[in-house]
Amino acid sequence: MLHAGWLVDRINHSVAYSDHGKHTNWVESYFARLRRMVQGQHHHVSPKYLHQYANHAAWLEDNRERSNGANAYGVVRCAMVSPVSRNWAGHWQRTMN
């Protein structure tokens, strides 16, 4: 499934640590940050919403070197131009019942 959308390479770590710029450092960093986020901030993640937590962690990983102001402006800008979310519209009403 992953191969359908992205170019995926493999590294045989018994032969080499990295191969022409291909390595696992970014993946290991991402999963470490995701684990710390779940354990430290959220304490529990429903499998139903795991993909959204993972997307949030990926966004944080991709934008970690930008300033807080630039990130806040980007989030607000995206929120203003995006249509209403079918997944999150009325979320607070569902939790009240």
Protein backbone atom coordinates (compact mmCIF):
# COMPACT_ATOMS: atom_id res chain seq x y z
CA MET A 1 0.00 0.00 0.00
CA LEU A 2 2.83 2.40 0.82
CA HIS A 3 4.52 1.56 -2.48
CA ALA A 4 1.43 2.71 -4.40
CA GLY A 5 1.85 6.35 -3.38
CA TRP A 6 5.56 6.84 -2.69
CA LEU A 7 8.95 5.79 -3.91
CA VAL A 8 10.18 3.40 -1.21
CA ASP A 9 13.74 2.10 -0.90
CA ARG A 10 15.21 -0.44 1.50
CA ILE A 11 18.51 -0.54 3.33
CA ASN A 12 20.13 -3.75 4.46
CA HIS A 13 21.56 -2.57 7.81
CA SER A 14 23.75 -5.64 8.10
CA VAL A 15 25.63 -4.30 5.05
CA ALA A 16 25.49 -0.49 5.47
CA TYR A 17 24.04 2.18 7.75
CA SER A 18 23.14 4.49 4.89
CA ASP A 19 23.14 4.15 1.12
CA HIS A 20 23.55 7.29 -1.00
CA GLY A 21 21.49 9.47 1.34
CA LYS A 22 18.91 6.81 2.17
CA HIS A 23 18.64 6.12 5.90
CA THR A 24 16.08 5.64 8.66
CA ASN A 25 16.92 8.64 10.86
CA TRP A 26 13.90 10.71 9.84
CA VAL A 27 11.48 7.84 10.32
CA GLU A 28 12.92 6.97 13.71
CA SER A 29 12.78 10.63 14.77
CA TYR A 30 9.15 10.92 13.64
CA PHE A 31 8.01 7.79 15.51
CA ALA A 32 9.91 8.83 18.65
CA ARG A 33 8.19 12.23 18.62
CA LEU A 34 4.80 10.60 17.95
CA ARG A 35 5.29 8.20 20.88
CA ARG A 36 6.30 11.05 23.22
CA MET A 37 3.33 13.13 22.06
CA VAL A 38 0.87 10.31 22.74
CA GLN A 39 2.38 9.37 26.12
CA GLY A 40 3.06 12.88 27.35
CA GLN A 41 0.20 15.00 26.01
CA HIS A 42 -2.68 12.81 24.97
CA HIS A 43 -2.24 9.77 27.26
CA HIS A 44 -4.61 7.77 25.03
CA VAL A 45 -5.22 7.71 21.29
CA SER A 46 -8.27 6.01 19.85
CA PRO A 47 -7.45 3.81 16.84
CA LYS A 48 -10.31 5.62 15.07
CA TYR A 49 -8.35 8.90 15.19
CA LEU A 50 -4.77 7.58 15.07
CA HIS A 51 -4.25 8.82 11.51
CA GLN A 52 -5.14 12.37 12.59
CA TYR A 53 -2.69 12.27 15.51
CA ALA A 54 -0.05 10.92 13.12
CA ASN A 55 -0.79 13.71 10.62
CA HIS A 56 -0.46 16.27 13.41
CA ALA A 57 2.88 14.78 14.49
CA ALA A 58 4.06 14.83 10.86
CA TRP A 59 3.08 18.51 10.54
CA LEU A 60 4.97 19.34 13.73
CA GLU A 61 8.00 17.41 12.46
CA ASP A 62 7.92 19.19 9.08
CA ASN A 63 7.49 22.66 10.61
CA ARG A 64 9.62 22.39 13.77
CA GLU A 65 12.23 24.89 12.51
CA ARG A 66 9.71 27.62 11.69
CA SER A 67 8.88 30.29 14.25
CA ASN A 68 5.76 29.96 16.41
CA GLY A 69 4.33 33.06 14.73
CA ALA A 70 4.81 31.63 11.24
CA ASN A 71 3.21 28.34 12.29
CA ALA A 72 0.26 30.11 13.94
CA TYR A 73 -0.27 32.29 10.87
CA GLY A 74 -0.10 29.22 8.61
CA VAL A 75 -2.65 27.31 10.68
CA VAL A 76 -5.09 30.25 10.75
CA ARG A 77 -4.62 30.88 7.02
CA CYS A 78 -5.31 27.22 6.19
CA ALA A 79 -8.35 27.17 8.49
CA MET A 80 -9.81 30.23 6.79
CA VAL A 81 -9.51 28.89 3.24
CA SER A 82 -10.51 25.28 3.95
CA PRO A 83 -14.09 24.06 3.61
CA VAL A 84 -16.00 22.77 6.63
CA SER A 85 -14.62 19.41 7.70
CA ARG A 86 -17.03 16.49 7.42
CA ASN A 87 -15.05 14.68 10.14
CA TRP A 88 -15.00 17.48 12.70
CA ALA A 89 -18.17 19.46 11.92
CA GLY A 90 -20.48 19.16 14.91
CA HIS A 91 -17.88 17.23 16.93
CA TRP A 92 -18.76 19.07 20.14
CA GLN A 93 -22.49 18.31 19.67
CA ARG A 94 -21.81 14.57 19.39
CA THR A 95 -19.86 14.52 22.65
CA MET A 96 -22.66 16.28 24.56
CA ASN A 97 -25.25 13.54 23.89
